[in-house]
Amino acid sequence: MSSPQFSVRIPSTLNEQVKEFAEANNITKTKVMIDALKHYLGCMEGIALNQQLSEIKKLINELKITIEEK
């Protein structure tokens, strides 16, 4: 049985970011979008470790900037 499907319109710039991320991580755009939705909805256990690590690094950098501003 196939998975349910739905369509959304996204800005061209976001589409480019999704495409670049997918190519850089050797995954499909569909996988990027599924993982993004899982992340947004708090379902991190289904997301690849490299993407979780990437998110953690991003958050650490944001914290560093916040600390340096104080």
C-alpha atoms as a PDB file:
ATOM      1  CA  MET A   1       0.000   0.000   0.000  1.00  0.00           C
ATOM      2  CA  SER A   2       1.335   3.447  -0.864  1.00  0.00           C
ATOM      3  CA  SER A   3       1.675   6.321   1.579  1.00  0.00           C
ATOM      4  CA  PRO A   4      -0.883   9.136   1.603  1.00  0.00           C
ATOM      5  CA  GLN A   5       0.090  12.111  -0.539  1.00  0.00           C
ATOM      6  CA  PHE A   6      -0.643  15.821  -0.343  1.00  0.00           C
ATOM      7  CA  SER A   7       0.627  18.918  -2.092  1.00  0.00           C
ATOM      8  CA  VAL A   8       1.691  22.296  -0.773  1.00  0.00           C
ATOM      9  CA  ARG A   9       3.043  25.423  -2.408  1.00  0.00           C
ATOM     10  CA  ILE A  10       6.272  26.793  -0.973  1.00  0.00           C
ATOM     11  CA  PRO A  11       8.311  29.870  -1.848  1.00  0.00           C
ATOM     12  CA  SER A  12      11.000  29.358  -4.509  1.00  0.00           C
ATOM     13  CA  THR A  13      13.743  30.204  -2.027  1.00  0.00           C
ATOM     14  CA  LEU A  14      12.555  27.521   0.388  1.00  0.00           C
ATOM     15  CA  ASN A  15      12.359  25.011  -2.454  1.00  0.00           C
ATOM     16  CA  GLU A  16      15.991  25.784  -3.320  1.00  0.00           C
ATOM     17  CA  GLN A  17      17.026  25.303   0.314  1.00  0.00           C
ATOM     18  CA  VAL A  18      15.232  21.952   0.451  1.00  0.00           C
ATOM     19  CA  LYS A  19      16.867  20.879  -2.811  1.00  0.00           C
ATOM     20  CA  GLU A  20      20.353  21.935  -1.655  1.00  0.00           C
ATOM     21  CA  PHE A  21      19.921  20.225   1.726  1.00  0.00           C
ATOM     22  CA  ALA A  22      18.728  17.018   0.059  1.00  0.00           C
ATOM     23  CA  GLU A  23      21.671  16.988  -2.338  1.00  0.00           C
ATOM     24  CA  ALA A  24      24.196  17.777   0.407  1.00  0.00           C
ATOM     25  CA  ASN A  25      22.871  14.945   2.577  1.00  0.00           C
ATOM     26  CA  ASN A  26      22.230  12.488  -0.273  1.00  0.00           C
ATOM     27  CA  ILE A  27      18.524  12.136   0.531  1.00  0.00           C
ATOM     28  CA  THR A  28      15.321  12.905  -1.346  1.00  0.00           C
ATOM     29  CA  LYS A  29      13.343  16.124  -1.053  1.00  0.00           C
ATOM     30  CA  THR A  30      10.473  13.978   0.230  1.00  0.00           C
ATOM     31  CA  LYS A  31      12.666  12.712   3.080  1.00  0.00           C
ATOM     32  CA  VAL A  32      13.680  16.295   3.922  1.00  0.00           C
ATOM     33  CA  MET A  33      10.036  17.363   4.097  1.00  0.00           C
ATOM     34  CA  ILE A  34       8.950  14.325   6.136  1.00  0.00           C
ATOM     35  CA  ASP A  35      11.790  14.866   8.603  1.00  0.00           C
ATOM     36  CA  ALA A  36      10.996  18.594   8.818  1.00  0.00           C
ATOM     37  CA  LEU A  37       7.367  17.796   9.648  1.00  0.00           C
ATOM     38  CA  LYS A  38       8.435  15.214  12.229  1.00  0.00           C
ATOM     39  CA  HIS A  39      10.765  17.758  13.794  1.00  0.00           C
ATOM     40  CA  TYR A  40       8.066  20.442  13.847  1.00  0.00           C
ATOM     41  CA  LEU A  41       5.578  18.043  15.409  1.00  0.00           C
ATOM     42  CA  GLY A  42       8.097  16.776  17.991  1.00  0.00           C
ATOM     43  CA  CYS A  43       8.674  13.307  16.529  1.00  0.00           C
ATOM     44  CA  MET A  44      12.485  13.382  16.528  1.00  0.00           C
ATOM     45  CA  GLU A  45      12.922   9.603  16.897  1.00  0.00           C
ATOM     46  CA  GLY A  46      12.146   9.104  13.219  1.00  0.00           C
ATOM     47  CA  ILE A  47      14.751  11.598  12.009  1.00  0.00           C
ATOM     48  CA  ALA A  48      18.193  10.515  10.808  1.00  0.00           C
ATOM     49  CA  LEU A  49      21.025  11.071  13.283  1.00  0.00           C
ATOM     50  CA  ASN A  50      22.982  13.324  10.908  1.00  0.00           C
ATOM     51  CA  GLN A  51      20.002  15.643  10.669  1.00  0.00           C
ATOM     52  CA  GLN A  52      19.537  15.606  14.445  1.00  0.00           C
ATOM     53  CA  LEU A  53      23.218  16.456  14.841  1.00  0.00           C
ATOM     54  CA  SER A  54      22.896  19.274  12.339  1.00  0.00           C
ATOM     55  CA  GLU A  55      19.983  20.700  14.324  1.00  0.00           C
ATOM     56  CA  ILE A  56      21.915  20.415  17.597  1.00  0.00           C
ATOM     57  CA  LYS A  57      24.895  22.254  16.076  1.00  0.00           C
ATOM     58  CA  LYS A  58      22.592  25.006  14.859  1.00  0.00           C
ATOM     59  CA  LEU A  59      21.074  25.403  18.322  1.00  0.00           C
ATOM     60  CA  ILE A  60      24.517  25.480  19.949  1.00  0.00           C
ATOM     61  CA  ASN A  61      25.609  28.256  17.600  1.00  0.00           C
ATOM     62  CA  GLU A  62      22.456  30.224  18.395  1.00  0.00           C
ATOM     63  CA  LEU A  63      23.176  29.828  22.114  1.00  0.00           C
ATOM     64  CA  LYS A  64      26.756  31.000  21.645  1.00  0.00           C
ATOM     65  CA  ILE A  65      25.530  34.130  19.885  1.00  0.00           C
ATOM     66  CA  THR A  66      22.994  34.784  22.650  1.00  0.00           C
ATOM     67  CA  ILE A  67      25.663  34.382  25.340  1.00  0.00           C
ATOM     68  CA  GLU A  68      28.103  36.650  23.519  1.00  0.00           C
ATOM     69  CA  GLU A  69      25.455  39.373  23.232  1.00  0.00           C
ATOM     70  CA  LYS A  70      25.062  39.489  27.029  1.00  0.00           C
END
